Amino acid sequence: MPHLNRTTSGVLGGLAGLVGLSAVAGILVTATVTPAIAVSGYAASSALDTFENMPSFLEIDPLMLPTEFYRKDSAGNDTLMAQFYDQNRVPVTFDQVNPVMFDAITSGEDKNFYSHGGVNIGATVLRCAEWRGWSIAMKLSRRRSGGTSRIVMPPSDAAEENTEWLVSMSMMSL
């Protein structure tokens, strides 16, 4: 049962205790949060410095074209003798490339490129979720195998059998 007769010193002592413990709690919270704020501030300022130090435009190196050796023929005309190259590149202008080639390259990379403007948020979230699931599955398999990794080859070279084998192995690891 609460004490009905409270004295002034008892009430003031309780209030002083409340204020004192609140101050201690505030100091503890501040000491806990301050390093996180400092680290995030440092990260933000270094990211800004990185972007500010970037050049306003990228300098494109000249295209590596084939080295060509010519000789003079009997009529005095230049005749190509040999070409040396790492990759046989032929520079063309934008207008010389067939639009079907642009569509083929774009559809090979991302068939929905023109509908999402370059960043497909749904696919990005899906890939992150798949990666997270893969990471969890790897952790579980490591825990079950005692932390060791092993590679087991499928029983045959047939593509369908390999696919079925991989699916069954994946299901067993879950």
C-alpha atoms as a PDB file:
ATOM      1  CA  MET A   1       0.000   0.000   0.000  1.00  0.00           C
ATOM      2  CA  PRO A   2       1.289   3.424  -0.845  1.00  0.00           C
ATOM      3  CA  HIS A   3       2.227   5.720   1.904  1.00  0.00           C
ATOM      4  CA  LEU A   4      -0.469   8.411   2.204  1.00  0.00           C
ATOM      5  CA  ASN A   5       1.516  10.969   4.118  1.00  0.00           C
ATOM      6  CA  ARG A   6       4.290  12.170   1.813  1.00  0.00           C
ATOM      7  CA  THR A   7       6.813  14.640   3.003  1.00  0.00           C
ATOM      8  CA  THR A   8       8.236  17.448   0.909  1.00  0.00           C
ATOM      9  CA  SER A   9      11.753  16.088   1.184  1.00  0.00           C
ATOM     10  CA  GLY A  10      10.555  12.666   0.017  1.00  0.00           C
ATOM     11  CA  VAL A  11       8.830  14.134  -3.045  1.00  0.00           C
ATOM     12  CA  LEU A  12      11.813  16.356  -3.869  1.00  0.00           C
ATOM     13  CA  GLY A  13      14.173  13.395  -3.410  1.00  0.00           C
ATOM     14  CA  GLY A  14      12.061  11.310  -5.805  1.00  0.00           C
ATOM     15  CA  LEU A  15      12.021  14.099  -8.386  1.00  0.00           C
ATOM     16  CA  ALA A  16      15.789  14.596  -8.019  1.00  0.00           C
ATOM     17  CA  GLY A  17      16.300  10.867  -8.500  1.00  0.00           C
ATOM     18  CA  LEU A  18      14.111  10.930 -11.614  1.00  0.00           C
ATOM     19  CA  VAL A  19      15.996  13.891 -13.084  1.00  0.00           C
ATOM     20  CA  GLY A  20      19.366  12.341 -12.201  1.00  0.00           C
ATOM     21  CA  LEU A  21      18.555   8.958 -13.740  1.00  0.00           C
ATOM     22  CA  SER A  22      17.103  10.699 -16.818  1.00  0.00           C
ATOM     23  CA  ALA A  23      20.365  12.620 -17.215  1.00  0.00           C
ATOM     24  CA  VAL A  24      22.400   9.419 -16.876  1.00  0.00           C
ATOM     25  CA  ALA A  25      20.149   7.670 -19.432  1.00  0.00           C
ATOM     26  CA  GLY A  26      20.531  10.645 -21.810  1.00  0.00           C
ATOM     27  CA  ILE A  27      24.314  10.525 -21.481  1.00  0.00           C
ATOM     28  CA  LEU A  28      24.356   6.783 -22.123  1.00  0.00           C
ATOM     29  CA  VAL A  29      22.138   7.126 -25.209  1.00  0.00           C
ATOM     30  CA  THR A  30      24.300   9.983 -26.488  1.00  0.00           C
ATOM     31  CA  ALA A  31      27.477   7.963 -25.938  1.00  0.00           C
ATOM     32  CA  THR A  32      25.925   5.037 -27.807  1.00  0.00           C
ATOM     33  CA  VAL A  33      24.602   7.008 -30.789  1.00  0.00           C
ATOM     34  CA  THR A  34      27.491   9.468 -31.256  1.00  0.00           C
ATOM     35  CA  PRO A  35      29.922   6.997 -32.933  1.00  0.00           C
ATOM     36  CA  ALA A  36      27.254   5.938 -35.437  1.00  0.00           C
ATOM     37  CA  ILE A  37      26.501   9.568 -36.285  1.00  0.00           C
ATOM     38  CA  ALA A  38      30.211  10.332 -36.616  1.00  0.00           C
ATOM     39  CA  VAL A  39      30.816   7.360 -38.927  1.00  0.00           C
ATOM     40  CA  SER A  40      27.815   8.176 -41.112  1.00  0.00           C
ATOM     41  CA  GLY A  41      28.903  11.830 -41.295  1.00  0.00           C
ATOM     42  CA  TYR A  42      32.408  10.800 -42.315  1.00  0.00           C
ATOM     43  CA  ALA A  43      31.040   8.410 -44.934  1.00  0.00           C
ATOM     44  CA  ALA A  44      28.756  11.100 -46.345  1.00  0.00           C
ATOM     45  CA  SER A  45      31.541  13.700 -46.522  1.00  0.00           C
ATOM     46  CA  SER A  46      33.979  11.281 -48.179  1.00  0.00           C
ATOM     47  CA  ALA A  47      31.300  10.287 -50.711  1.00  0.00           C
ATOM     48  CA  LEU A  48      30.715  13.965 -51.498  1.00  0.00           C
ATOM     49  CA  ASP A  49      34.463  14.520 -51.860  1.00  0.00           C
ATOM     50  CA  THR A  50      34.673  11.572 -54.237  1.00  0.00           C
ATOM     51  CA  PHE A  51      31.891  12.943 -56.439  1.00  0.00           C
ATOM     52  CA  GLU A  52      33.290  16.478 -56.338  1.00  0.00           C
ATOM     53  CA  ASN A  53      36.725  15.246 -57.444  1.00  0.00           C
ATOM     54  CA  MET A  54      35.325  13.376 -60.453  1.00  0.00           C
ATOM     55  CA  PRO A  55      35.974  14.973 -63.827  1.00  0.00           C
ATOM     56  CA  SER A  56      33.068  16.741 -65.473  1.00  0.00           C
ATOM     57  CA  PHE A  57      33.550  14.610 -68.580  1.00  0.00           C
ATOM     58  CA  LEU A  58      35.280  11.353 -69.329  1.00  0.00           C
ATOM     59  CA  GLU A  59      38.174  11.379 -71.727  1.00  0.00           C
ATOM     60  CA  ILE A  60      37.756   8.602 -74.244  1.00  0.00           C
ATOM     61  CA  ASP A  61      40.991   7.041 -75.376  1.00  0.00           C
ATOM     62  CA  PRO A  62      41.509   6.730 -79.103  1.00  0.00           C
ATOM     63  CA  LEU A  63      40.161   3.529 -80.618  1.00  0.00           C
ATOM     64  CA  MET A  64      42.792   0.861 -81.162  1.00  0.00           C
ATOM     65  CA  LEU A  65      42.751   0.317 -84.899  1.00  0.00           C
ATOM     66  CA  PRO A  66      44.663  -2.362 -86.793  1.00  0.00           C
ATOM     67  CA  THR A  67      48.244  -1.582 -87.748  1.00  0.00           C
ATOM     68  CA  GLU A  68      48.519  -1.757 -91.531  1.00  0.00           C
ATOM     69  CA  PHE A  69      51.626  -2.329 -93.655  1.00  0.00           C
ATOM     70  CA  TYR A  70      51.552  -1.183 -97.272  1.00  0.00           C
ATOM     71  CA  ARG A  71      53.919  -1.676-100.184  1.00  0.00           C
ATOM     72  CA  LYS A  72      54.151  -0.053-103.560  1.00  0.00           C
ATOM     73  CA  ASP A  73      53.221  -2.233-106.480  1.00  0.00           C
ATOM     74  CA  SER A  74      54.739  -1.974-109.956  1.00  0.00           C
ATOM     75  CA  ALA A  75      52.262   0.771-110.931  1.00  0.00           C
ATOM     76  CA  GLY A  76      53.191   2.858-107.871  1.00  0.00           C
ATOM     77  CA  ASN A  77      49.928   2.232-106.018  1.00  0.00           C
ATOM     78  CA  ASP A  78      49.794   1.402-102.308  1.00  0.00           C
ATOM     79  CA  THR A  79      48.884  -2.253-101.718  1.00  0.00           C
ATOM     80  CA  LEU A  80      47.961  -3.620 -98.303  1.00  0.00           C
ATOM     81  CA  MET A  81      50.493  -6.244 -97.262  1.00  0.00           C
ATOM     82  CA  ALA A  82      49.427  -7.114 -93.711  1.00  0.00           C
ATOM     83  CA  GLN A  83      47.281  -6.062 -90.768  1.00  0.00           C
ATOM     84  CA  PHE A  84      48.106  -6.633 -87.107  1.00  0.00           C
ATOM     85  CA  TYR A  85      45.482  -6.251 -84.406  1.00  0.00           C
ATOM     86  CA  ASP A  86      44.235  -7.559 -81.102  1.00  0.00           C
ATOM     87  CA  GLN A  87      40.607  -6.970 -82.084  1.00  0.00           C
ATOM     88  CA  ASN A  88      39.622  -6.156 -85.649  1.00  0.00           C
ATOM     89  CA  ARG A  89      37.642  -2.967 -85.068  1.00  0.00           C
ATOM     90  CA  VAL A  90      36.287  -0.818 -87.847  1.00  0.00           C
ATOM     91  CA  PRO A  91      35.014   2.590 -86.734  1.00  0.00           C
ATOM     92  CA  VAL A  92      31.531   3.501 -87.971  1.00  0.00           C
ATOM     93  CA  THR A  93      29.227   6.428 -87.321  1.00  0.00           C
ATOM     94  CA  PHE A  94      25.915   6.146 -85.508  1.00  0.00           C
ATOM     95  CA  ASP A  95      23.974   6.418 -88.767  1.00  0.00           C
ATOM     96  CA  GLN A  96      25.863   3.485 -90.307  1.00  0.00           C
ATOM     97  CA  VAL A  97      24.629   1.000 -87.695  1.00  0.00           C
ATOM     98  CA  ASN A  98      21.427  -0.794 -88.617  1.00  0.00           C
ATOM     99  CA  PRO A  99      18.576  -0.219 -86.081  1.00  0.00           C
ATOM    100  CA  VAL A 100      18.022  -3.985 -85.981  1.00  0.00           C
ATOM    101  CA  MET A 101      21.520  -4.289 -84.465  1.00  0.00           C
ATOM    102  CA  PHE A 102      20.572  -1.872 -81.650  1.00  0.00           C
ATOM    103  CA  ASP A 103      17.419  -3.881 -80.955  1.00  0.00           C
ATOM    104  CA  ALA A 104      19.380  -7.149 -80.971  1.00  0.00           C
ATOM    105  CA  ILE A 105      21.968  -5.843 -78.515  1.00  0.00           C
ATOM    106  CA  THR A 106      19.348  -4.271 -76.250  1.00  0.00           C
ATOM    107  CA  SER A 107      17.090  -7.338 -76.232  1.00  0.00           C
ATOM    108  CA  GLY A 108      20.063  -9.570 -75.504  1.00  0.00           C
ATOM    109  CA  GLU A 109      20.916  -7.499 -72.447  1.00  0.00           C
ATOM    110  CA  ASP A 110      17.465  -6.374 -71.256  1.00  0.00           C
ATOM    111  CA  LYS A 111      14.300  -6.977 -73.273  1.00  0.00           C
ATOM    112  CA  ASN A 112      12.335  -4.410 -71.199  1.00  0.00           C
ATOM    113  CA  PHE A 113      14.938  -1.636 -71.460  1.00  0.00           C
ATOM    114  CA  TYR A 114      12.652   0.854 -73.186  1.00  0.00           C
ATOM    115  CA  SER A 115       9.790   0.311 -70.712  1.00  0.00           C
ATOM    116  CA  HIS A 116      11.719   1.004 -67.486  1.00  0.00           C
ATOM    117  CA  GLY A 117      14.248   3.609 -68.572  1.00  0.00           C
ATOM    118  CA  GLY A 118      17.412   1.747 -67.670  1.00  0.00           C
ATOM    119  CA  VAL A 119      16.776   0.596 -64.082  1.00  0.00           C
ATOM    120  CA  ASN A 120      14.306  -2.218 -63.480  1.00  0.00           C
ATOM    121  CA  ILE A 121      13.426  -1.858 -59.795  1.00  0.00           C
ATOM    122  CA  GLY A 122      11.405  -5.097 -59.651  1.00  0.00           C
ATOM    123  CA  ALA A 123      14.207  -7.197 -61.145  1.00  0.00           C
ATOM    124  CA  THR A 124      16.760  -5.549 -58.861  1.00  0.00           C
ATOM    125  CA  VAL A 125      14.722  -6.361 -55.745  1.00  0.00           C
ATOM    126  CA  LEU A 126      14.189  -9.922 -57.017  1.00  0.00           C
ATOM    127  CA  ARG A 127      17.924 -10.446 -57.603  1.00  0.00           C
ATOM    128  CA  CYS A 128      18.724  -9.095 -54.136  1.00  0.00           C
ATOM    129  CA  ALA A 129      16.164 -11.470 -52.632  1.00  0.00           C
ATOM    130  CA  GLU A 130      17.618 -14.385 -54.624  1.00  0.00           C
ATOM    131  CA  TRP A 131      21.126 -13.464 -53.528  1.00  0.00           C
ATOM    132  CA  ARG A 132      19.984 -13.243 -49.913  1.00  0.00           C
ATOM    133  CA  GLY A 133      18.321 -16.657 -50.207  1.00  0.00           C
ATOM    134  CA  TRP A 134      21.465 -18.090 -51.771  1.00  0.00           C
ATOM    135  CA  SER A 135      23.525 -16.650 -48.936  1.00  0.00           C
ATOM    136  CA  ILE A 136      21.236 -18.208 -46.324  1.00  0.00           C
ATOM    137  CA  ALA A 137      21.315 -21.567 -48.143  1.00  0.00           C
ATOM    138  CA  MET A 138      25.130 -21.460 -48.223  1.00  0.00           C
ATOM    139  CA  LYS A 139      25.284 -20.720 -44.496  1.00  0.00           C
ATOM    140  CA  LEU A 140      22.928 -23.603 -43.753  1.00  0.00           C
ATOM    141  CA  SER A 141      24.915 -26.020 -45.901  1.00  0.00           C
ATOM    142  CA  ARG A 142      28.165 -24.947 -44.240  1.00  0.00           C
ATOM    143  CA  ARG A 143      26.613 -25.436 -40.829  1.00  0.00           C
ATOM    144  CA  ARG A 144      25.418 -28.930 -41.768  1.00  0.00           C
ATOM    145  CA  SER A 145      28.734 -29.935 -43.320  1.00  0.00           C
ATOM    146  CA  GLY A 146      30.793 -28.686 -40.397  1.00  0.00           C
ATOM    147  CA  GLY A 147      32.078 -25.625 -42.253  1.00  0.00           C
ATOM    148  CA  THR A 148      33.821 -27.520 -45.045  1.00  0.00           C
ATOM    149  CA  SER A 149      33.057 -27.134 -48.727  1.00  0.00           C
ATOM    150  CA  ARG A 150      33.085 -29.969 -51.223  1.00  0.00           C
ATOM    151  CA  ILE A 151      32.499 -30.259 -54.936  1.00  0.00           C
ATOM    152  CA  VAL A 152      30.560 -33.237 -56.213  1.00  0.00           C
ATOM    153  CA  MET A 153      30.375 -33.866 -59.952  1.00  0.00           C
ATOM    154  CA  PRO A 154      27.037 -34.900 -61.460  1.00  0.00           C
ATOM    155  CA  PRO A 155      26.726 -38.540 -62.509  1.00  0.00           C
ATOM    156  CA  SER A 156      26.495 -37.975 -66.299  1.00  0.00           C
ATOM    157  CA  ASP A 157      26.987 -35.420 -69.037  1.00  0.00           C
ATOM    158  CA  ALA A 158      23.398 -35.280 -70.299  1.00  0.00           C
ATOM    159  CA  ALA A 159      21.948 -31.789 -69.789  1.00  0.00           C
ATOM    160  CA  GLU A 160      18.521 -32.913 -68.585  1.00  0.00           C
ATOM    161  CA  GLU A 161      19.963 -35.376 -66.094  1.00  0.00           C
ATOM    162  CA  ASN A 162      22.389 -32.720 -64.834  1.00  0.00           C
ATOM    163  CA  THR A 163      19.548 -30.279 -64.327  1.00  0.00           C
ATOM    164  CA  GLU A 164      17.486 -32.848 -62.435  1.00  0.00           C
ATOM    165  CA  TRP A 165      20.526 -33.792 -60.358  1.00  0.00           C
ATOM    166  CA  LEU A 166      21.281 -30.142 -59.505  1.00  0.00           C
ATOM    167  CA  VAL A 167      17.662 -29.501 -58.531  1.00  0.00           C
ATOM    168  CA  SER A 168      17.578 -32.593 -56.309  1.00  0.00           C
ATOM    169  CA  MET A 169      20.889 -31.616 -54.679  1.00  0.00           C
ATOM    170  CA  SER A 170      19.547 -28.110 -54.068  1.00  0.00           C
ATOM    171  CA  MET A 171      16.395 -29.502 -52.500  1.00  0.00           C
ATOM    172  CA  MET A 172      18.430 -31.834 -50.270  1.00  0.00           C
ATOM    173  CA  SER A 173      20.554 -28.926 -48.994  1.00  0.00           C
ATOM    174  CA  LEU A 174      17.449 -27.048 -47.781  1.00  0.00           C
END
